[in-house]
Amino acid sequence: MTVAVVLLATALVIVVALLAAAGAAKLARMDGAMYPAALTRAAVTFAAVITLAATVASAFATLLT
């Protein structure tokens, strides 16, 4: 049961990170950025969401143990 919850939470975080990255790329393109700059902004946003999720998970793990 625990493994399934961890896998579902991981999948949800990845989907949210991909959606945020796609939104950032779209907004960058609408702002007039070229494709390399838009992809860079998307990659930074993806990494930021993953990092934030790892930090929150680490804080919860510390509090719950």
PDB file of N, CA and C in Angstrom:
ATOM      1  N   MET A   1       0.831  -1.203   0.000  1.00  0.00           N
ATOM      2  CA  MET A   1       0.000   0.000   0.000  1.00  0.00           C
ATOM      3  C   MET A   1       0.866   1.253   0.000  1.00  0.00           C
ATOM      4  N   THR A   2       1.914   1.255   0.820  1.00  0.00           N
ATOM      5  CA  THR A   2       2.781   2.432   0.928  1.00  0.00           C
ATOM      6  C   THR A   2       3.517   2.695  -0.385  1.00  0.00           C
ATOM      7  N   VAL A   3       3.947   1.628  -1.047  1.00  0.00           N
ATOM      8  CA  VAL A   3       4.664   1.788  -2.308  1.00  0.00           C
ATOM      9  C   VAL A   3       3.741   2.412  -3.354  1.00  0.00           C
ATOM     10  N   ALA A   4       2.507   2.003  -3.369  1.00  0.00           N
ATOM     11  CA  ALA A   4       1.552   2.558  -4.328  1.00  0.00           C
ATOM     12  C   ALA A   4       1.319   4.044  -4.082  1.00  0.00           C
ATOM     13  N   VAL A   5       1.228   4.434  -2.827  1.00  0.00           N
ATOM     14  CA  VAL A   5       1.026   5.850  -2.497  1.00  0.00           C
ATOM     15  C   VAL A   5       2.233   6.671  -2.912  1.00  0.00           C
ATOM     16  N   VAL A   6       3.431   6.146  -2.669  1.00  0.00           N
ATOM     17  CA  VAL A   6       4.651   6.859  -3.060  1.00  0.00           C
ATOM     18  C   VAL A   6       4.728   6.997  -4.574  1.00  0.00           C
ATOM     19  N   LEU A   7       4.403   5.957  -5.296  1.00  0.00           N
ATOM     20  CA  LEU A   7       4.430   6.017  -6.762  1.00  0.00           C
ATOM     21  C   LEU A   7       3.393   6.994  -7.311  1.00  0.00           C
ATOM     22  N   LEU A   8       2.208   6.990  -6.735  1.00  0.00           N
ATOM     23  CA  LEU A   8       1.171   7.927  -7.180  1.00  0.00           C
ATOM     24  C   LEU A   8       1.553   9.367  -6.868  1.00  0.00           C
ATOM     25  N   ALA A   9       2.139   9.604  -5.703  1.00  0.00           N
ATOM     26  CA  ALA A   9       2.572  10.956  -5.349  1.00  0.00           C
ATOM     27  C   ALA A   9       3.691  11.419  -6.265  1.00  0.00           C
ATOM     28  N   THR A  10       4.611  10.526  -6.585  1.00  0.00           N
ATOM     29  CA  THR A  10       5.701  10.866  -7.498  1.00  0.00           C
ATOM     30  C   THR A  10       5.166  11.189  -8.886  1.00  0.00           C
ATOM     31  N   ALA A  11       4.233  10.397  -9.353  1.00  0.00           N
ATOM     32  CA  ALA A  11       3.639  10.659 -10.661  1.00  0.00           C
ATOM     33  C   ALA A  11       2.909  11.994 -10.679  1.00  0.00           C
ATOM     34  N   LEU A  12       2.205  12.303  -9.593  1.00  0.00           N
ATOM     35  CA  LEU A  12       1.497  13.580  -9.512  1.00  0.00           C
ATOM     36  C   LEU A  12       2.469  14.749  -9.528  1.00  0.00           C
ATOM     37  N   VAL A  13       3.563  14.640  -8.804  1.00  0.00           N
ATOM     38  CA  VAL A  13       4.564  15.716  -8.786  1.00  0.00           C
ATOM     39  C   VAL A  13       5.169  15.906 -10.161  1.00  0.00           C
ATOM     40  N   ILE A  14       5.458  14.825 -10.858  1.00  0.00           N
ATOM     41  CA  ILE A  14       6.045  14.936 -12.201  1.00  0.00           C
ATOM     42  C   ILE A  14       5.055  15.573 -13.169  1.00  0.00           C
ATOM     43  N   VAL A  15       3.787  15.201 -13.084  1.00  0.00           N
ATOM     44  CA  VAL A  15       2.779  15.807 -13.966  1.00  0.00           C
ATOM     45  C   VAL A  15       2.630  17.297 -13.685  1.00  0.00           C
ATOM     46  N   VAL A  16       2.605  17.674 -12.414  1.00  0.00           N
ATOM     47  CA  VAL A  16       2.505  19.091 -12.069  1.00  0.00           C
ATOM     48  C   VAL A  16       3.732  19.846 -12.555  1.00  0.00           C
ATOM     49  N   ALA A  17       4.911  19.243 -12.410  1.00  0.00           N
ATOM     50  CA  ALA A  17       6.140  19.891 -12.879  1.00  0.00           C
ATOM     51  C   ALA A  17       6.136  20.064 -14.399  1.00  0.00           C
ATOM     52  N   LEU A  18       5.650  19.056 -15.107  1.00  0.00           N
ATOM     53  CA  LEU A  18       5.575  19.173 -16.568  1.00  0.00           C
ATOM     54  C   LEU A  18       4.576  20.244 -17.000  1.00  0.00           C
ATOM     55  N   LEU A  19       3.447  20.315 -16.306  1.00  0.00           N
ATOM     56  CA  LEU A  19       2.458  21.352 -16.627  1.00  0.00           C
ATOM     57  C   LEU A  19       3.005  22.749 -16.347  1.00  0.00           C
ATOM     58  N   ALA A  20       3.715  22.901 -15.242  1.00  0.00           N
ATOM     59  CA  ALA A  20       4.313  24.198 -14.921  1.00  0.00           C
ATOM     60  C   ALA A  20       5.371  24.573 -15.950  1.00  0.00           C
ATOM     61  N   ALA A  21       6.163  23.602 -16.366  1.00  0.00           N
ATOM     62  CA  ALA A  21       7.191  23.864 -17.379  1.00  0.00           C
ATOM     63  C   ALA A  21       6.565  24.233 -18.718  1.00  0.00           C
ATOM     64  N   ALA A  22       5.504  23.544 -19.095  1.00  0.00           N
ATOM     65  CA  ALA A  22       4.828  23.875 -20.351  1.00  0.00           C
ATOM     66  C   ALA A  22       4.228  25.273 -20.293  1.00  0.00           C
ATOM     67  N   GLY A  23       3.645  25.620 -19.152  1.00  0.00           N
ATOM     68  CA  GLY A  23       3.104  26.968 -18.987  1.00  0.00           C
ATOM     69  C   GLY A  23       4.177  28.027 -19.062  1.00  0.00           C
ATOM     70  N   ALA A  24       5.323  27.759 -18.438  1.00  0.00           N
ATOM     71  CA  ALA A  24       6.427  28.722 -18.482  1.00  0.00           C
ATOM     72  C   ALA A  24       6.953  28.897 -19.899  1.00  0.00           C
ATOM     73  N   ALA A  25       7.054  27.799 -20.632  1.00  0.00           N
ATOM     74  CA  ALA A  25       7.519  27.888 -22.019  1.00  0.00           C
ATOM     75  C   ALA A  25       6.522  28.658 -22.883  1.00  0.00           C
ATOM     76  N   LYS A  26       5.260  28.394 -22.687  1.00  0.00           N
ATOM     77  CA  LYS A  26       4.225  29.099 -23.462  1.00  0.00           C
ATOM     78  C   LYS A  26       4.241  30.597 -23.163  1.00  0.00           C
ATOM     79  N   LEU A  27       4.348  30.938 -21.872  1.00  0.00           N
ATOM     80  CA  LEU A  27       4.406  32.355 -21.510  1.00  0.00           C
ATOM     81  C   LEU A  27       5.666  33.019 -22.055  1.00  0.00           C
ATOM     82  N   ALA A  28       6.768  32.293 -22.064  1.00  0.00           N
ATOM     83  CA  ALA A  28       8.006  32.853 -22.613  1.00  0.00           C
ATOM     84  C   ALA A  28       7.864  33.101 -24.112  1.00  0.00           C
ATOM     85  N   ARG A  29       7.245  32.156 -24.813  1.00  0.00           N
ATOM     86  CA  ARG A  29       7.049  32.342 -26.260  1.00  0.00           C
ATOM     87  C   ARG A  29       6.099  33.502 -26.534  1.00  0.00           C
ATOM     88  N   MET A  30       5.055  33.637 -25.723  1.00  0.00           N
ATOM     89  CA  MET A  30       4.114  34.745 -25.910  1.00  0.00           C
ATOM     90  C   MET A  30       4.795  36.085 -25.625  1.00  0.00           C
ATOM     91  N   ASP A  31       5.824  36.052 -24.780  1.00  0.00           N
ATOM     92  CA  ASP A  31       6.560  37.260 -24.436  1.00  0.00           C
ATOM     93  C   ASP A  31       7.583  37.615 -25.518  1.00  0.00           C
ATOM     94  N   GLY A  32       7.760  36.749 -26.493  1.00  0.00           N
ATOM     95  CA  GLY A  32       8.663  37.036 -27.599  1.00  0.00           C
ATOM     96  C   GLY A  32      10.013  36.358 -27.513  1.00  0.00           C
ATOM     97  N   ALA A  33      10.179  35.443 -26.569  1.00  0.00           N
ATOM     98  CA  ALA A  33      11.450  34.734 -26.438  1.00  0.00           C
ATOM     99  C   ALA A  33      11.597  33.716 -27.561  1.00  0.00           C
ATOM    100  N   MET A  34      12.829  33.495 -27.968  1.00  0.00           N
ATOM    101  CA  MET A  34      13.107  32.467 -28.972  1.00  0.00           C
ATOM    102  C   MET A  34      12.988  31.087 -28.315  1.00  0.00           C
ATOM    103  N   TYR A  35      12.984  30.030 -29.146  1.00  0.00           N
ATOM    104  CA  TYR A  35      12.788  28.684 -28.630  1.00  0.00           C
ATOM    105  C   TYR A  35      13.847  28.260 -27.611  1.00  0.00           C
ATOM    106  N   PRO A  36      15.138  28.529 -27.828  1.00  0.00           N
ATOM    107  CA  PRO A  36      16.111  28.117 -26.800  1.00  0.00           C
ATOM    108  C   PRO A  36      15.872  28.786 -25.442  1.00  0.00           C
ATOM    109  N   ALA A  37      15.520  30.055 -25.446  1.00  0.00           N
ATOM    110  CA  ALA A  37      15.241  30.756 -24.185  1.00  0.00           C
ATOM    111  C   ALA A  37      13.983  30.205 -23.528  1.00  0.00           C
ATOM    112  N   ALA A  38      12.974  29.890 -24.330  1.00  0.00           N
ATOM    113  CA  ALA A  38      11.736  29.329 -23.780  1.00  0.00           C
ATOM    114  C   ALA A  38      11.994  27.945 -23.177  1.00  0.00           C
ATOM    115  N   LEU A  39      12.808  27.147 -23.849  1.00  0.00           N
ATOM    116  CA  LEU A  39      13.133  25.826 -23.304  1.00  0.00           C
ATOM    117  C   LEU A  39      13.954  25.940 -22.033  1.00  0.00           C
ATOM    118  N   THR A  40      14.834  26.932 -21.974  1.00  0.00           N
ATOM    119  CA  THR A  40      15.621  27.147 -20.759  1.00  0.00           C
ATOM    120  C   THR A  40      14.711  27.528 -19.597  1.00  0.00           C
ATOM    121  N   ARG A  41      13.760  28.403 -19.850  1.00  0.00           N
ATOM    122  CA  ARG A  41      12.818  28.797 -18.791  1.00  0.00           C
ATOM    123  C   ARG A  41      11.967  27.607 -18.354  1.00  0.00           C
ATOM    124  N   ALA A  42      11.589  26.782 -19.312  1.00  0.00           N
ATOM    125  CA  ALA A  42      10.807  25.590 -18.963  1.00  0.00           C
ATOM    126  C   ALA A  42      11.637  24.624 -18.113  1.00  0.00           C
ATOM    127  N   ALA A  43      12.890  24.439 -18.473  1.00  0.00           N
ATOM    128  CA  ALA A  43      13.753  23.532 -17.712  1.00  0.00           C
ATOM    129  C   ALA A  43      13.990  24.043 -16.295  1.00  0.00           C
ATOM    130  N   VAL A  44      14.196  25.350 -16.164  1.00  0.00           N
ATOM    131  CA  VAL A  44      14.399  25.929 -14.835  1.00  0.00           C
ATOM    132  C   VAL A  44      13.134  25.771 -13.995  1.00  0.00           C
ATOM    133  N   THR A  45      11.981  25.977 -14.595  1.00  0.00           N
ATOM    134  CA  THR A  45      10.721  25.822 -13.871  1.00  0.00           C
ATOM    135  C   THR A  45      10.507  24.371 -13.449  1.00  0.00           C
ATOM    136  N   PHE A  46      10.792  23.439 -14.337  1.00  0.00           N
ATOM    137  CA  PHE A  46      10.661  22.015 -14.019  1.00  0.00           C
ATOM    138  C   PHE A  46      11.570  21.649 -12.848  1.00  0.00           C
ATOM    139  N   ALA A  47      12.808  22.084 -12.906  1.00  0.00           N
ATOM    140  CA  ALA A  47      13.756  21.785 -11.828  1.00  0.00           C
ATOM    141  C   ALA A  47      13.322  22.428 -10.513  1.00  0.00           C
ATOM    142  N   ALA A  48      12.778  23.630 -10.590  1.00  0.00           N
ATOM    143  CA  ALA A  48      12.337  24.312  -9.372  1.00  0.00           C
ATOM    144  C   ALA A  48      11.173  23.571  -8.720  1.00  0.00           C
ATOM    145  N   VAL A  49      10.233  23.097  -9.507  1.00  0.00           N
ATOM    146  CA  VAL A  49       9.083  22.372  -8.948  1.00  0.00           C
ATOM    147  C   VAL A  49       9.535  21.053  -8.328  1.00  0.00           C
ATOM    148  N   ILE A  50      10.427  20.342  -8.994  1.00  0.00           N
ATOM    149  CA  ILE A  50      10.937  19.078  -8.452  1.00  0.00           C
ATOM    150  C   ILE A  50      11.711  19.332  -7.157  1.00  0.00           C
ATOM    151  N   THR A  51      12.534  20.384  -7.144  1.00  0.00           N
ATOM    152  CA  THR A  51      13.296  20.716  -5.942  1.00  0.00           C
ATOM    153  C   THR A  51      12.376  21.099  -4.792  1.00  0.00           C
ATOM    154  N   LEU A  52      11.363  21.888  -5.091  1.00  0.00           N
ATOM    155  CA  LEU A  52      10.408  22.275  -4.055  1.00  0.00           C
ATOM    156  C   LEU A  52       9.680  21.058  -3.494  1.00  0.00           C
ATOM    157  N   ALA A  53       9.290  20.143  -4.356  1.00  0.00           N
ATOM    158  CA  ALA A  53       8.599  18.934  -3.892  1.00  0.00           C
ATOM    159  C   ALA A  53       9.520  18.082  -3.020  1.00  0.00           C
ATOM    160  N   ALA A  54      10.786  17.975  -3.394  1.00  0.00           N
ATOM    161  CA  ALA A  54      11.735  17.201  -2.587  1.00  0.00           C
ATOM    162  C   ALA A  54      11.968  17.857  -1.231  1.00  0.00           C
ATOM    163  N   THR A  55      12.032  19.182  -1.216  1.00  0.00           N
ATOM    164  CA  THR A  55      12.225  19.891   0.044  1.00  0.00           C
ATOM    165  C   THR A  55      11.027  19.718   0.972  1.00  0.00           C
ATOM    166  N   VAL A  56       9.842  19.834   0.424  1.00  0.00           N
ATOM    167  CA  VAL A  56       8.631  19.652   1.235  1.00  0.00           C
ATOM    168  C   VAL A  56       8.537  18.213   1.741  1.00  0.00           C
ATOM    169  N   ALA A  57       8.854  17.252   0.894  1.00  0.00           N
ATOM    170  CA  ALA A  57       8.818  15.853   1.318  1.00  0.00           C
ATOM    171  C   ALA A  57       9.835  15.595   2.418  1.00  0.00           C
ATOM    172  N   SER A  58      11.004  16.187   2.299  1.00  0.00           N
ATOM    173  CA  SER A  58      12.028  16.034   3.328  1.00  0.00           C
ATOM    174  C   SER A  58      11.576  16.656   4.654  1.00  0.00           C
ATOM    175  N   ALA A  59      10.940  17.809   4.577  1.00  0.00           N
ATOM    176  CA  ALA A  59      10.451  18.448   5.803  1.00  0.00           C
ATOM    177  C   ALA A  59       9.351  17.608   6.453  1.00  0.00           C
ATOM    178  N   PHE A  60       8.450  17.072   5.642  1.00  0.00           N
ATOM    179  CA  PHE A  60       7.404  16.206   6.197  1.00  0.00           C
ATOM    180  C   PHE A  60       7.997  14.935   6.814  1.00  0.00           C
ATOM    181  N   ALA A  61       8.995  14.377   6.151  1.00  0.00           N
ATOM    182  CA  ALA A  61       9.609  13.155   6.680  1.00  0.00           C
ATOM    183  C   ALA A  61      10.279  13.425   8.021  1.00  0.00           C
ATOM    184  N   THR A  62      10.904  14.602   8.131  1.00  0.00           N
ATOM    185  CA  THR A  62      11.527  14.964   9.404  1.00  0.00           C
ATOM    186  C   THR A  62      10.489  15.143  10.500  1.00  0.00           C
ATOM    187  N   LEU A  63       9.373  15.763  10.167  1.00  0.00           N
ATOM    188  CA  LEU A  63       8.341  15.995  11.173  1.00  0.00           C
ATOM    189  C   LEU A  63       7.607  14.716  11.578  1.00  0.00           C
ATOM    190  N   LEU A  64       7.453  13.804  10.670  1.00  0.00           N
ATOM    191  CA  LEU A  64       6.655  12.608  10.941  1.00  0.00           C
ATOM    192  C   LEU A  64       7.448  11.467  11.554  1.00  0.00           C
ATOM    193  N   THR A  65       8.781  11.603  11.628  1.00  0.00           N
ATOM    194  CA  THR A  65       9.565  10.508  12.220  1.00  0.00           C
ATOM    195  C   THR A  65      10.018  10.859  13.610  1.00  0.00           C
TER     196      THR A  65
END
